[in-house]
Amino acid sequence: MAKKQLLVTIEKQTQGEDVAHYAVIMGDKILQMGSCGTESLMDQTGKELFFALFSPLTHVERMNLNVANKDVIGFTAKREIDKKSIFTKEPYHLVYQTLNFAGLQATANVIAMPKAELDFFHRHLPIYQRPIRQLAAIEISIASLVGEITSEPVIVFWARASVLIGLLVENSSVLVRQFDMVEEVGGFSVQEKFAKYIEKQKKNLELAAQKHLQRSVNLRLFTGDLLLSEAGIEDIDDTYPARLFPVQGIDEKNSTILEKKITALFMPVTSTVPARSILQFPELFGLPFVAEELNMMRPEYQQQLKVQSIAKPIGLVASILAGLLLAYTGVMHLTNGVKQSDIEQRLATLDSQIQSLEQRIPNQQRLEDLRLAVLFSEETSSLIRVDRFLVWLSHSVPEGVEVYYLHIMNDPETHLYKADLKAKMSGSYELTKGLSAQLVNSLGERVKLSESQFSYTPAKKHKSDEESDDNTVEGHADFITMLSINGVNF
């Protein structure tokens, strides 16, 4: 059964609280649409959250790169962006989707965005109360929506308030992006406000089409605030388009067919949601179609979500087996003609299976403690399954040892991973030394340890302790080590 999904985008305001536009969908059904303050997003329904993020500084393009192998595509794309001085000294986050790789040539969709914009997103949305499945640049969301209908090149215009974006889109990729902040002039209609900017962007995108595709592009799509406010999309026909801007040279018939097909991707189930909403908010309705590789969420957040989700399905399986054991016991007692020894043997087998499964289930509290302790460098590759690593670690740490810091990072010299681990324990010197030795032996089965340090701090003796014959006054110990991890093992 399809899950309810909450699609969200934020329109920043110069004064007052920012406005969140949202849609709740289930499969291809639109259940609800509306707008609210960002603080009210938690009140909206929808199990999975998808978010379309706008930044005036977003850089998006389809790159042709010279690379020796697939592993350096991201590095090469970053080098190309740095060469162009697109972000100067401003830190940015980059994601890419490999479209083709042959010989020493790769084609990839590349999106880069200032980290400051992502920081804004992290501050203003309930990303830990309601996990986010997808964070995409609005340009990619719009291109993905168009790509669901056609692989042909399309020039798309999108406007919201004073922002105008023009895109040259082909097969879900953005080849070229144009951006303008439009002056607010009182007394001017929407057409008059955007007209000269659209004409300028149109010319630039047509020139780009000749450069990149060696052909003209006659399909146009007008979205966002560029639709007739009084017309429902159901009224569109060849003589009455919803577009505000009839452009010369446009393939009128096929552009109208494209609009209708995009609108048909989703079906409103309530009259309060007009069908034209899909074209009014394409940045929302393209979100379910965005490729997972183009998720702009920071890697450390995505890894934390994986860790959070591990214990639930495993615990469910254990519960089911336990239920089967109880049911089996009841049935056997009610069945005539079955030997007691057979019943006991079968019950013992089931009990053994449950115990075996329970040994593989991570302790919920220990796994949560590890999740809170772990840090991820942004460069940490998704090649290592950090979720599996943490489950293994939760089994490997002896009782009485608490891991309170774990920083996982790439080691560029060995192409492996390193983890800075810090643990603490309480007890006598002999006990804590023994626990440290157990930890080293357990971890050493699958990872290499180096730079290990053990330090013990005895507890301060009180006068009553000095008069006692008991010399086992508890203190505490710290154990620090560096782990070398081969991601293939996890």
Protein backbone atom coordinates (compact mmCIF):
# COMPACT_ATOMS: atom_id res chain seq x y z
CA MET A 1 0.00 0.00 0.00
CA ALA A 2 1.31 3.45 -0.91
CA LYS A 3 2.50 5.64 1.96
CA LYS A 4 1.34 9.17 2.61
CA GLN A 5 4.04 11.57 1.51
CA LEU A 6 4.39 15.21 2.53
CA LEU A 7 5.89 17.38 -0.22
CA VAL A 8 7.18 20.76 0.99
CA THR A 9 8.87 23.89 -0.29
CA ILE A 10 9.55 27.16 1.54
CA GLU A 11 8.99 30.67 0.23
CA LYS A 12 11.22 33.03 2.19
CA GLN A 13 9.63 36.28 3.34
CA THR A 14 11.39 39.63 3.79
CA GLN A 15 9.20 40.24 6.83
CA GLY A 16 7.52 37.81 9.18
CA GLU A 17 7.59 34.01 9.21
CA ASP A 18 8.58 32.12 6.08
CA VAL A 19 5.73 30.32 4.28
CA ALA A 20 5.76 26.58 3.63
CA HIS A 21 3.74 25.37 0.63
CA TYR A 22 2.86 21.69 0.89
CA ALA A 23 0.96 18.82 -0.69
CA VAL A 24 0.01 15.48 0.83
CA ILE A 25 -0.06 12.64 -1.69
CA MET A 26 -0.59 8.90 -1.61
CA GLY A 27 0.62 7.26 -4.79
CA ASP A 28 -0.85 9.36 -7.61
CA LYS A 29 -3.62 10.83 -5.44
CA ILE A 30 -3.43 14.41 -4.10
CA LEU A 31 -5.13 14.30 -0.69
CA GLN A 32 -4.48 17.85 0.47
CA MET A 33 -2.67 21.08 -0.41
CA GLY A 34 -2.08 24.26 1.52
CA SER A 35 0.33 26.77 3.00
CA CYS A 36 1.44 27.32 6.60
CA GLY A 37 4.27 28.64 8.72
CA THR A 38 7.33 26.43 9.01
CA GLU A 39 6.55 25.91 12.70
CA SER A 40 3.25 24.23 11.74
CA LEU A 41 4.76 21.60 9.42
CA MET A 42 4.71 18.98 12.16
CA ASP A 43 0.92 19.31 12.24
CA GLN A 44 0.58 18.12 8.63
CA THR A 45 -0.01 14.47 7.76
CA GLY A 46 2.35 12.35 5.74
CA LYS A 47 4.80 9.70 6.91
CA GLU A 48 7.61 10.57 4.50
CA LEU A 49 8.85 14.11 3.98
CA PHE A 50 10.18 15.37 0.63
CA PHE A 51 11.55 18.89 0.34
CA ALA A 52 12.27 21.17 -2.64
CA LEU A 53 14.91 23.76 -1.80
CA PHE A 54 15.42 27.05 -3.65
CA SER A 55 18.68 28.94 -3.64
CA PRO A 56 19.57 31.78 -5.99
CA LEU A 57 23.13 30.41 -5.99
CA THR A 58 22.30 26.84 -7.00
CA HIS A 59 24.54 25.59 -9.80
CA VAL A 60 23.16 22.79 -11.97
CA GLU A 61 24.39 21.40 -15.27
CA ARG A 62 25.00 18.22 -17.22
CA MET A 63 28.78 17.75 -17.39
CA ASN A 64 30.97 15.80 -19.78
CA LEU A 65 34.08 14.82 -17.83
CA ASN A 66 37.42 13.16 -18.59
CA VAL A 67 37.93 10.60 -15.81
CA ALA A 68 40.06 7.51 -15.26
CA ASN A 69 37.31 5.65 -13.37
CA LYS A 70 33.88 6.18 -11.85
CA ASP A 71 35.23 6.81 -8.36
CA VAL A 72 36.68 10.22 -9.30
CA ILE A 73 33.63 11.66 -11.08
CA GLY A 74 32.59 13.70 -8.04
CA PHE A 75 36.14 14.97 -7.48
CA THR A 76 36.50 15.92 -11.16
CA ALA A 77 33.13 17.71 -11.18
CA LYS A 78 34.16 19.68 -8.10
CA ARG A 79 37.43 20.64 -9.76
CA GLU A 80 35.52 21.91 -12.81
CA ILE A 81 33.25 24.05 -10.60
CA ASP A 82 36.26 25.43 -8.73
CA LYS A 83 37.92 26.31 -12.04
CA LYS A 84 34.89 28.39 -12.99
CA SER A 85 35.01 30.18 -9.59
CA ILE A 86 31.26 29.69 -9.25
CA PHE A 87 31.32 29.78 -5.44
CA THR A 88 34.61 31.69 -4.93
CA LYS A 89 35.49 31.12 -1.24
CA GLU A 90 32.02 30.03 -0.12
CA PRO A 91 31.80 26.37 1.03
CA TYR A 92 29.34 24.31 -1.00
CA HIS A 93 27.84 20.84 -1.13
CA LEU A 94 27.90 18.85 -4.38
CA VAL A 95 26.00 15.77 -5.53
CA TYR A 96 26.01 14.05 -8.90
CA GLN A 97 24.27 11.34 -10.90
CA THR A 98 26.32 9.32 -13.41
CA LEU A 99 24.39 9.08 -16.68
CA ASN A 100 27.03 7.37 -18.80
CA PHE A 101 30.57 6.08 -18.40
CA ALA A 102 32.60 4.63 -21.24
CA GLY A 103 36.33 4.58 -21.75
CA LEU A 104 37.69 7.71 -20.12
CA GLN A 105 34.51 9.77 -20.61
CA ALA A 106 31.65 10.29 -18.15
CA THR A 107 28.41 12.24 -18.39
CA ALA A 108 26.82 13.31 -15.11
CA ASN A 109 24.11 15.53 -13.71
CA VAL A 110 25.85 17.83 -11.22
CA ILE A 111 24.19 20.02 -8.60
CA ALA A 112 26.02 22.25 -6.14
CA MET A 113 24.57 24.49 -3.46
CA PRO A 114 26.07 26.74 -0.76
CA LYS A 115 26.27 25.03 2.60
CA ALA A 116 24.72 28.12 4.15
CA GLU A 117 21.46 27.32 2.34
CA LEU A 118 21.51 23.78 3.71
CA ASP A 119 22.20 25.14 7.18
CA PHE A 120 19.07 27.30 6.86
CA PHE A 121 17.13 24.18 5.94
CA HIS A 122 18.46 22.23 8.93
CA ARG A 123 17.56 25.06 11.31
CA HIS A 124 14.01 25.64 10.09
CA LEU A 125 12.58 22.19 9.46
CA PRO A 126 11.73 19.31 11.84
CA ILE A 127 14.20 16.96 10.15
CA TYR A 128 14.80 14.82 13.24
CA GLN A 129 11.17 14.67 14.39
CA ARG A 130 10.04 13.69 10.88
CA PRO A 131 12.84 12.12 8.80
CA ILE A 132 13.34 13.47 5.31
CA ARG A 133 13.55 11.03 2.44
CA GLN A 134 14.53 13.52 -0.26
CA LEU A 135 15.93 17.04 -0.38
CA ALA A 136 16.23 18.30 -3.94
CA ALA A 137 16.97 21.56 -5.67
CA ILE A 138 13.75 22.86 -7.21
CA GLU A 139 15.41 22.88 -10.64
CA ILE A 140 16.00 19.12 -10.43
CA SER A 141 12.49 18.49 -9.14
CA ILE A 142 10.96 20.39 -12.07
CA ALA A 143 13.21 18.62 -14.58
CA SER A 144 12.30 15.23 -13.08
CA LEU A 145 8.58 16.03 -13.43
CA VAL A 146 9.00 16.94 -17.10
CA GLY A 147 11.18 13.87 -17.64
CA GLU A 148 8.34 11.59 -16.52
CA ILE A 149 6.45 12.66 -19.65
CA THR A 150 9.07 13.26 -22.32
CA SER A 151 12.78 12.79 -22.98
CA GLU A 152 12.62 15.54 -25.61
CA PRO A 153 14.21 18.92 -24.83
CA VAL A 154 11.87 21.49 -23.27
CA ILE A 155 12.36 25.11 -22.24
CA VAL A 156 10.70 25.57 -18.85
CA PHE A 157 9.92 28.85 -17.11
CA TRP A 158 9.09 28.98 -13.39
CA ALA A 159 8.23 32.06 -11.33
CA ARG A 160 7.45 32.58 -7.67
CA ALA A 161 6.97 36.10 -6.30
CA SER A 162 9.98 38.01 -7.68
CA VAL A 163 12.03 35.00 -8.76
CA LEU A 164 12.18 33.84 -12.39
CA ILE A 165 14.03 30.70 -13.44
CA GLY A 166 14.43 29.43 -16.99
CA LEU A 167 15.63 25.88 -17.66
CA LEU A 168 16.73 23.94 -20.70
CA VAL A 169 15.64 20.41 -19.78
CA GLU A 170 16.27 17.13 -21.57
CA ASN A 171 15.50 13.63 -20.31
CA SER A 172 15.19 14.75 -16.64
CA SER A 173 18.50 16.65 -16.85
CA VAL A 174 19.01 20.41 -16.57
CA LEU A 175 21.44 21.45 -19.27
CA VAL A 176 21.31 25.19 -18.60
CA ARG A 177 19.79 27.38 -15.86
CA GLN A 178 18.86 31.06 -16.10
CA PHE A 179 17.99 33.10 -13.01
CA ASP A 180 16.63 36.63 -12.47
CA MET A 181 15.29 38.62 -9.56
CA VAL A 182 12.43 40.64 -11.05
CA GLU A 183 11.81 44.19 -9.89
CA GLU A 184 8.57 44.80 -8.04
CA VAL A 185 6.82 47.66 -9.86
CA GLY A 186 3.45 48.86 -8.62
CA GLY A 187 0.57 48.90 -11.08
CA PHE A 188 2.11 46.40 -13.48
CA SER A 189 0.41 43.12 -14.38
CA VAL A 190 2.21 39.79 -14.09
CA GLN A 191 2.73 39.78 -17.86
CA GLU A 192 4.28 43.24 -17.82
CA LYS A 193 6.40 42.41 -14.79
CA PHE A 194 8.03 39.30 -16.28
CA ALA A 195 7.83 39.98 -20.05
CA LYS A 196 11.30 41.44 -20.71
CA TYR A 197 13.01 38.92 -18.43
CA ILE A 198 11.30 35.96 -20.11
CA GLU A 199 12.27 37.30 -23.53
CA LYS A 200 15.90 37.62 -22.42
CA GLN A 201 16.00 34.14 -20.89
CA LYS A 202 14.26 32.64 -23.93
CA LYS A 203 16.96 33.95 -26.26
CA ASN A 204 19.74 32.68 -24.00
CA LEU A 205 18.18 29.23 -23.68
CA GLU A 206 17.61 28.97 -27.42
CA LEU A 207 21.28 29.78 -28.02
CA ALA A 208 22.22 27.17 -25.41
CA ALA A 209 20.07 24.58 -27.19
CA GLN A 210 21.98 25.21 -30.42
CA LYS A 211 25.28 24.88 -28.56
CA HIS A 212 24.46 21.74 -26.53
CA LEU A 213 21.96 19.97 -28.77
CA GLN A 214 22.64 21.46 -32.20
CA ARG A 215 18.92 21.98 -32.68
CA SER A 216 16.06 24.34 -31.88
CA VAL A 217 13.61 23.63 -29.07
CA ASN A 218 9.94 24.45 -29.68
CA LEU A 219 8.37 22.89 -26.58
CA ARG A 220 7.61 25.41 -23.82
CA LEU A 221 6.29 24.93 -20.30
CA PHE A 222 5.16 27.86 -18.14
CA THR A 223 4.73 27.09 -14.44
CA GLY A 224 4.35 28.65 -11.01
CA ASP A 225 3.05 32.20 -11.10
CA LEU A 226 3.15 32.25 -14.92
CA LEU A 227 -0.25 30.58 -15.26
CA LEU A 228 -3.56 32.34 -15.78
CA SER A 229 -4.98 32.68 -12.28
CA GLU A 230 -8.58 32.44 -13.44
CA ALA A 231 -8.23 29.36 -15.64
CA GLY A 232 -8.41 25.76 -14.49
CA ILE A 233 -6.15 23.38 -16.35
CA GLU A 234 -9.20 21.36 -17.29
CA ASP A 235 -10.24 24.29 -19.51
CA ILE A 236 -7.05 24.11 -21.57
CA ASP A 237 -7.41 23.33 -25.23
CA ASP A 238 -5.59 24.32 -28.38
CA THR A 239 -7.26 27.73 -28.42
CA TYR A 240 -7.21 28.54 -24.69
CA PRO A 241 -3.85 27.74 -23.10
CA ALA A 242 -3.13 28.50 -19.45
CA ARG A 243 0.09 30.29 -20.39
CA LEU A 244 0.40 34.00 -19.86
CA PHE A 245 3.02 34.30 -22.57
CA PRO A 246 2.21 33.10 -26.09
CA VAL A 247 5.72 32.92 -27.56
CA GLN A 248 6.32 32.98 -31.30
CA GLY A 249 7.88 29.82 -32.69
CA ILE A 250 6.36 27.64 -29.96
CA ASP A 251 4.93 24.24 -30.87
CA GLU A 252 1.52 25.19 -29.51
CA LYS A 253 -0.20 21.84 -29.94
CA ASN A 254 2.54 19.65 -28.45
CA SER A 255 3.22 22.13 -25.62
CA THR A 256 -0.45 21.91 -24.65
CA ILE A 257 -0.33 18.10 -24.82
CA LEU A 258 2.74 18.20 -22.54
CA GLU A 259 0.83 20.35 -20.01
CA LYS A 260 -2.12 17.96 -20.00
CA LYS A 261 0.06 14.87 -19.58
CA ILE A 262 1.96 16.41 -16.66
CA THR A 263 -1.33 17.35 -15.03
CA ALA A 264 -2.57 13.76 -15.44
CA LEU A 265 0.34 12.37 -13.38
CA PHE A 266 -1.62 13.15 -10.19
CA MET A 267 -5.31 13.13 -9.42
CA PRO A 268 -6.87 15.42 -6.78
CA VAL A 269 -9.41 13.61 -4.60
CA THR A 270 -11.02 16.81 -3.36
CA SER A 271 -12.54 19.77 -5.19
CA THR A 272 -10.49 22.13 -3.02
CA VAL A 273 -7.38 21.10 -4.96
CA PRO A 274 -7.56 22.22 -8.61
CA ALA A 275 -5.89 19.99 -11.18
CA ARG A 276 -3.76 22.91 -12.35
CA SER A 277 -1.93 22.77 -9.01
CA ILE A 278 0.63 20.38 -10.53
CA LEU A 279 1.76 23.13 -12.91
CA GLN A 280 1.45 25.82 -10.26
CA PHE A 281 3.80 23.88 -7.95
CA PRO A 282 5.91 21.64 -10.19
CA GLU A 283 8.73 21.84 -7.64
CA LEU A 284 6.50 19.83 -5.25
CA PHE A 285 5.13 17.23 -7.61
CA GLY A 286 8.48 16.46 -9.20
CA LEU A 287 9.97 15.41 -5.86
CA PRO A 288 8.86 11.73 -5.95
CA PHE A 289 10.62 11.36 -9.32
CA VAL A 290 14.03 12.78 -8.33
CA ALA A 291 16.89 10.27 -8.55
CA GLU A 292 18.20 9.19 -5.14
CA GLU A 293 21.76 10.16 -6.14
CA LEU A 294 20.66 13.79 -6.32
CA ASN A 295 19.51 13.94 -2.71
CA MET A 296 21.09 17.07 -1.20
CA MET A 297 20.79 15.85 2.39
CA ARG A 298 24.17 15.74 4.05
CA PRO A 299 25.70 12.24 4.19
CA GLU A 300 25.90 12.20 7.99
CA TYR A 301 22.14 12.82 8.27
CA GLN A 302 21.33 10.05 5.78
CA GLN A 303 23.56 7.61 7.69
CA GLN A 304 21.86 8.50 10.97
CA LEU A 305 18.47 7.72 9.42
CA LYS A 306 19.76 4.31 8.33
CA VAL A 307 20.95 3.56 11.86
CA GLN A 308 17.60 4.60 13.34
CA SER A 309 15.74 2.22 11.07
CA ILE A 310 17.85 -0.91 11.70
CA ALA A 311 16.41 -2.28 14.92
CA LYS A 312 12.73 -2.00 13.96
CA PRO A 313 12.49 -4.71 11.27
CA ILE A 314 14.82 -7.08 13.16
CA GLY A 315 12.78 -6.67 16.33
CA LEU A 316 9.60 -7.31 14.37
CA VAL A 317 10.94 -10.63 13.08
CA ALA A 318 11.85 -11.68 16.62
CA SER A 319 8.37 -10.80 17.85
CA ILE A 320 6.78 -12.86 15.07
CA LEU A 321 8.94 -15.90 15.90
CA ALA A 322 8.08 -15.55 19.58
CA GLY A 323 4.40 -15.43 18.68
CA LEU A 324 4.76 -18.54 16.55
CA LEU A 325 6.40 -20.33 19.45
CA LEU A 326 3.48 -19.51 21.74
CA ALA A 327 0.94 -20.51 19.11
CA TYR A 328 2.80 -23.72 18.36
CA THR A 329 2.86 -24.60 22.06
CA GLY A 330 -0.90 -24.13 22.34
CA VAL A 331 -1.65 -26.21 19.28
CA MET A 332 0.58 -29.06 20.40
CA HIS A 333 -1.13 -29.27 23.76
CA LEU A 334 -4.49 -29.52 22.03
CA THR A 335 -3.38 -32.17 19.52
CA ASN A 336 -4.08 -35.82 20.40
CA GLY A 337 -1.71 -38.62 19.51
CA VAL A 338 1.49 -36.56 19.50
CA LYS A 339 4.33 -37.81 21.66
CA GLN A 340 5.47 -35.51 24.42
CA SER A 341 9.08 -36.08 23.37
CA ASP A 342 8.29 -34.85 19.81
CA ILE A 343 6.66 -31.73 21.19
CA GLU A 344 9.63 -30.99 23.43
CA GLN A 345 12.09 -31.56 20.59
CA ARG A 346 10.23 -29.20 18.23
CA LEU A 347 9.87 -26.56 20.93
CA ALA A 348 13.57 -26.79 21.67
CA THR A 349 14.35 -26.25 17.98
CA LEU A 350 12.14 -23.15 17.81
CA ASP A 351 13.59 -21.81 21.05
CA SER A 352 17.10 -22.26 19.65
CA GLN A 353 16.12 -20.35 16.50
CA ILE A 354 14.73 -17.46 18.56
CA GLN A 355 17.85 -17.31 20.74
CA SER A 356 20.02 -17.27 17.61
CA LEU A 357 17.99 -14.40 16.19
CA GLU A 358 18.08 -12.46 19.45
CA GLN A 359 21.88 -12.66 19.42
CA ARG A 360 21.85 -10.80 16.12
CA ILE A 361 19.47 -8.09 17.34
CA PRO A 362 21.38 -5.02 18.54
CA ASN A 363 20.59 -3.80 22.02
CA GLN A 364 18.21 -0.89 21.42
CA GLN A 365 19.75 1.41 24.05
CA ARG A 366 23.32 0.57 23.08
CA LEU A 367 22.57 1.21 19.40
CA GLU A 368 20.93 4.54 20.28
CA ASP A 369 23.97 5.53 22.37
CA LEU A 370 26.27 4.74 19.44
CA ARG A 371 24.06 6.69 17.05
CA LEU A 372 24.30 9.76 19.27
CA ALA A 373 28.08 9.39 19.64
CA VAL A 374 28.89 8.94 15.97
CA LEU A 375 30.10 11.76 13.70
CA PHE A 376 30.53 11.59 9.95
CA SER A 377 32.88 13.63 7.82
CA GLU A 378 31.09 15.03 4.77
CA GLU A 379 33.64 13.20 2.62
CA THR A 380 32.71 9.82 4.11
CA SER A 381 31.71 7.66 1.17
CA SER A 382 28.45 5.76 1.02
CA LEU A 383 30.54 2.70 0.06
CA ILE A 384 30.78 1.83 3.75
CA ARG A 385 27.52 0.59 5.26
CA VAL A 386 27.76 2.54 8.50
CA ASP A 387 24.50 1.04 9.71
CA ARG A 388 25.98 -2.48 9.52
CA PHE A 389 29.21 -1.28 11.09
CA LEU A 390 27.36 0.16 14.09
CA VAL A 391 25.29 -3.00 14.59
CA TRP A 392 28.51 -5.04 14.59
CA LEU A 393 30.12 -2.57 16.98
CA SER A 394 27.16 -2.76 19.38
CA HIS A 395 27.77 -6.53 19.66
CA SER A 396 31.56 -6.18 19.92
CA VAL A 397 31.64 -3.72 22.84
CA PRO A 398 31.68 -5.68 26.14
CA GLU A 399 29.14 -5.02 28.86
CA GLY A 400 30.42 -2.27 31.12
CA VAL A 401 32.10 -0.34 28.30
CA GLU A 402 30.47 2.82 26.93
CA VAL A 403 31.51 4.28 23.57
CA TYR A 404 30.93 8.03 23.86
CA TYR A 405 32.70 9.29 20.73
CA LEU A 406 33.07 7.83 17.25
CA HIS A 407 34.25 9.87 14.26
CA ILE A 408 34.28 8.05 10.91
CA MET A 409 36.25 9.56 8.04
CA ASN A 410 37.92 8.71 4.74
CA ASP A 411 41.64 7.93 4.67
CA PRO A 412 42.75 9.34 1.27
CA GLU A 413 46.15 7.63 1.50
CA THR A 414 44.83 4.06 1.82
CA HIS A 415 41.32 4.54 0.36
CA LEU A 416 40.00 2.84 3.50
CA TYR A 417 38.19 4.42 6.44
CA LYS A 418 39.40 5.52 9.84
CA ALA A 419 37.35 5.87 12.99
CA ASP A 420 38.49 7.72 16.09
CA LEU A 421 36.90 5.78 18.97
CA LYS A 422 36.71 6.84 22.60
CA ALA A 423 35.25 4.67 25.37
CA LYS A 424 34.96 4.82 29.14
CA MET A 425 34.34 2.31 31.93
CA SER A 426 34.16 2.22 35.72
CA GLY A 427 35.61 -0.18 38.27
CA SER A 428 38.93 -1.27 39.67
CA TYR A 429 42.15 -1.05 37.70
CA GLU A 430 42.14 -4.82 37.09
CA LEU A 431 38.52 -4.80 35.91
CA THR A 432 38.83 -1.83 33.52
CA LYS A 433 42.14 -3.13 32.15
CA GLY A 434 40.47 -6.47 31.48
CA LEU A 435 37.50 -4.80 29.76
CA SER A 436 39.88 -2.83 27.54
CA ALA A 437 41.66 -6.04 26.58
CA GLN A 438 38.31 -7.66 25.71
CA LEU A 439 37.39 -4.65 23.59
CA VAL A 440 40.70 -4.80 21.70
CA ASN A 441 40.35 -8.54 21.02
CA SER A 442 36.72 -8.20 19.92
CA LEU A 443 37.30 -5.25 17.59
CA GLY A 444 40.49 -6.80 16.22
CA GLU A 445 38.50 -9.60 14.60
CA ARG A 446 37.33 -7.29 11.76
CA VAL A 447 39.25 -4.00 12.02
CA LYS A 448 42.82 -2.93 12.72
CA LEU A 449 43.60 -0.90 15.84
CA SER A 450 46.41 1.63 16.24
CA GLU A 451 47.47 4.42 18.57
CA SER A 452 45.57 2.77 21.45
CA GLN A 453 45.80 4.44 24.85
CA PHE A 454 44.51 3.27 28.23
CA SER A 455 44.39 5.64 31.19
CA TYR A 456 43.06 4.88 34.66
CA THR A 457 41.99 7.40 37.30
CA PRO A 458 41.43 5.94 40.75
CA ALA A 459 38.62 7.31 42.83
CA LYS A 460 39.53 9.65 45.66
CA LYS A 461 39.62 7.71 48.89
CA HIS A 462 37.53 8.95 51.77
CA LYS A 463 38.59 8.47 55.36
CA SER A 464 36.20 5.55 55.76
CA ASP A 465 37.86 3.88 52.75
CA GLU A 466 41.33 4.26 54.27
CA GLU A 467 40.20 2.51 57.47
CA SER A 468 38.67 -0.35 55.46
CA ASP A 469 40.60 -3.51 54.52
CA ASP A 470 38.93 -3.44 51.06
CA ASN A 471 41.45 -2.21 48.48
CA THR A 472 39.06 -2.41 45.51
CA VAL A 473 37.88 1.21 45.52
CA GLU A 474 36.35 1.92 42.10
CA GLY A 475 37.76 4.48 39.72
CA HIS A 476 37.23 5.06 36.02
CA ALA A 477 39.22 4.43 32.85
CA ASP A 478 39.36 5.91 29.37
CA PHE A 479 40.31 3.97 26.27
CA ILE A 480 41.16 5.72 22.98
CA THR A 481 42.05 4.03 19.70
CA MET A 482 42.08 4.55 15.95
CA LEU A 483 40.27 1.93 13.85
CA SER A 484 41.22 1.17 10.24
CA ILE A 485 38.12 -0.11 8.46
CA ASN A 486 37.76 -1.86 5.13
CA GLY A 487 34.29 -0.88 3.90
CA VAL A 488 33.99 -4.18 2.03
CA ASN A 489 33.69 -5.96 5.41
CA PHE A 490 30.48 -4.08 6.14
